[in-house]
Protein backbone atom coordinates (compact mmCIF):
# COMPACT_ATOMS: atom_id res chain seq x y z
CA UNK A 1 26.43 -9.11 -13.37
CA UNK A 2 26.59 -5.42 -12.68
CA UNK A 3 23.97 -5.80 -10.21
CA UNK A 4 25.61 -9.10 -8.55
CA UNK A 5 28.63 -6.93 -7.97
CA UNK A 6 27.20 -3.78 -6.05
CA UNK A 7 25.22 -5.98 -3.98
CA UNK A 8 28.66 -7.32 -2.85
CA UNK A 9 30.15 -4.06 -2.32
CA UNK A 10 28.90 -3.68 1.00
CA UNK A 11 30.69 -4.75 4.43
CA UNK A 12 28.71 -7.60 4.89
CA UNK A 13 28.49 -8.82 1.39
CA UNK A 14 24.84 -7.36 0.28
CA UNK A 15 24.08 -2.92 -0.42
CA UNK A 16 24.64 -1.63 2.68
CA UNK A 17 22.77 1.35 0.96
CA UNK A 18 19.74 -0.19 1.01
CA UNK A 19 17.09 2.03 2.92
CA UNK A 20 13.96 2.85 3.36
CA UNK A 21 12.01 6.15 3.07
CA UNK A 22 8.30 7.57 4.21
CA UNK A 23 5.82 9.80 2.25
CA UNK A 24 4.97 12.47 3.84
CA UNK A 25 6.93 12.71 6.35
CA UNK A 26 4.20 13.09 9.49
CA UNK A 27 0.15 12.82 9.57
CA UNK A 28 -1.96 15.27 11.32
CA UNK A 29 -5.54 15.18 10.64
CA UNK A 30 -7.81 17.67 11.64
CA UNK A 31 -11.57 16.45 11.77
CA UNK A 32 -15.56 16.96 13.10
CA UNK A 33 -16.16 14.23 15.39
CA UNK A 34 -16.48 11.10 14.35
CA UNK A 35 -14.32 8.38 12.04
CA UNK A 36 -11.86 9.83 9.86
CA UNK A 37 -9.48 8.33 7.26
CA UNK A 38 -5.98 9.94 6.93
CA UNK A 39 -3.67 10.47 3.49
CA UNK A 40 -1.85 7.35 2.22
CA UNK A 41 1.71 7.00 3.36
CA UNK A 42 3.54 5.35 0.82
CA UNK A 43 6.77 3.04 1.71
CA UNK A 44 9.55 2.90 -0.86
CA UNK A 45 12.56 1.18 -0.27
CA UNK A 46 15.85 2.01 -1.83
CA UNK A 47 18.22 0.19 -3.06
CA UNK A 48 17.18 -3.08 -1.86
CA UNK A 49 16.59 -7.01 -3.80
CA UNK A 50 13.28 -7.69 -3.06
CA UNK A 51 11.06 -9.47 -2.12
CA UNK A 52 10.13 -7.83 0.70
CA UNK A 53 7.50 -8.27 3.32
CA UNK A 54 6.56 -5.28 5.23
CA UNK A 55 4.63 -4.49 8.50
CA UNK A 56 3.27 -1.63 10.01
CA UNK A 57 3.16 -1.25 13.90
CA UNK A 58 1.96 1.92 16.01
CA UNK A 59 2.04 3.41 19.58
CA UNK A 60 -1.78 2.82 21.35
CA UNK A 61 -4.25 1.52 20.77
CA UNK A 62 -6.96 4.61 19.87
CA UNK A 63 -5.50 4.48 16.13
CA UNK A 64 -5.39 1.75 13.56
CA UNK A 65 -3.14 0.74 10.39
CA UNK A 66 -5.90 -0.30 7.09
CA UNK A 67 -2.83 -1.86 5.44
CA UNK A 68 -0.56 -3.13 7.85
CA UNK A 69 1.30 -5.48 5.83
CA UNK A 70 1.86 -3.79 2.40
CA UNK A 71 4.39 -0.58 1.55
CA UNK A 72 2.01 1.86 2.03
CA UNK A 73 -1.28 2.50 3.99
CA UNK A 74 -3.34 4.19 5.27
CA UNK A 75 -4.30 5.07 9.07
CA UNK A 76 -8.49 5.42 10.71
CA UNK A 77 -9.28 6.46 14.01
CA UNK A 78 -13.00 7.83 15.82
CA UNK A 79 -13.51 10.20 17.99
CA UNK A 80 -14.93 12.73 20.00
CA UNK A 81 -13.44 16.31 20.65
CA UNK A 82 -9.94 14.43 21.10
CA UNK A 83 -6.87 14.42 20.16
CA UNK A 84 -4.73 11.31 19.03
CA UNK A 85 -0.95 11.23 18.68
CA UNK A 86 0.60 7.61 17.91
CA UNK A 87 4.38 6.74 16.39
CA UNK A 88 3.75 4.53 13.49
CA UNK A 89 7.01 2.53 12.24
CA UNK A 90 7.24 0.78 9.12
CA UNK A 91 9.60 -2.25 8.99
CA UNK A 92 10.82 -3.86 5.51
CA UNK A 93 12.70 -7.35 5.38
CA UNK A 94 14.55 -7.63 1.91
CA UNK A 95 14.26 -11.20 1.79
CA UNK A 96 16.76 -11.33 -1.40
CA UNK A 97 19.48 -9.07 0.17
CA UNK A 98 20.17 -11.65 2.69
CA UNK A 99 17.38 -10.46 5.43
CA UNK A 100 18.51 -7.18 6.02
CA UNK A 101 16.06 -5.30 8.01
CA UNK A 102 15.23 -1.67 7.68
CA UNK A 103 13.11 0.32 9.64
CA UNK A 104 11.06 3.68 9.96
CA UNK A 105 8.62 6.04 11.89
CA UNK A 106 5.71 9.03 11.29
CA UNK A 107 3.99 10.80 14.05
CA UNK A 108 0.50 10.41 13.30
CA UNK A 109 -2.17 13.05 14.71
CA UNK A 110 -5.91 12.56 14.69
CA UNK A 111 -7.80 16.33 16.49
CA UNK A 112 -11.40 15.94 16.69
CA UNK A 113 -13.11 18.83 17.59
CA UNK A 114 -16.48 20.64 16.90
CA UNK A 115 -16.73 23.43 14.52
CA UNK A 116 -18.73 25.92 15.32
């Protein structure tokens, strides 16, 4: 029962150290004009109970999220001689931890440029 005792140490009766990390902390994609996909961004829950619900959102409409309801995702964009910079946010709800929620943001940039 050590796990239960730890959960009840937070002020609300649940684990107050519930947190989220994103790796890498920023995404910069440089590409020839066309369509490009970013490296994977890994979302990791720290001190949660689970199960978890994941929701990715992004500002603007030029960059798309490939897996909006998963912990890990990539982004994609298309363009020609243009740069897009948006902020993506992952929100995690810990349904086994009193429905606690935590969110983290990451800057995502796609730069499409013709190389000579």
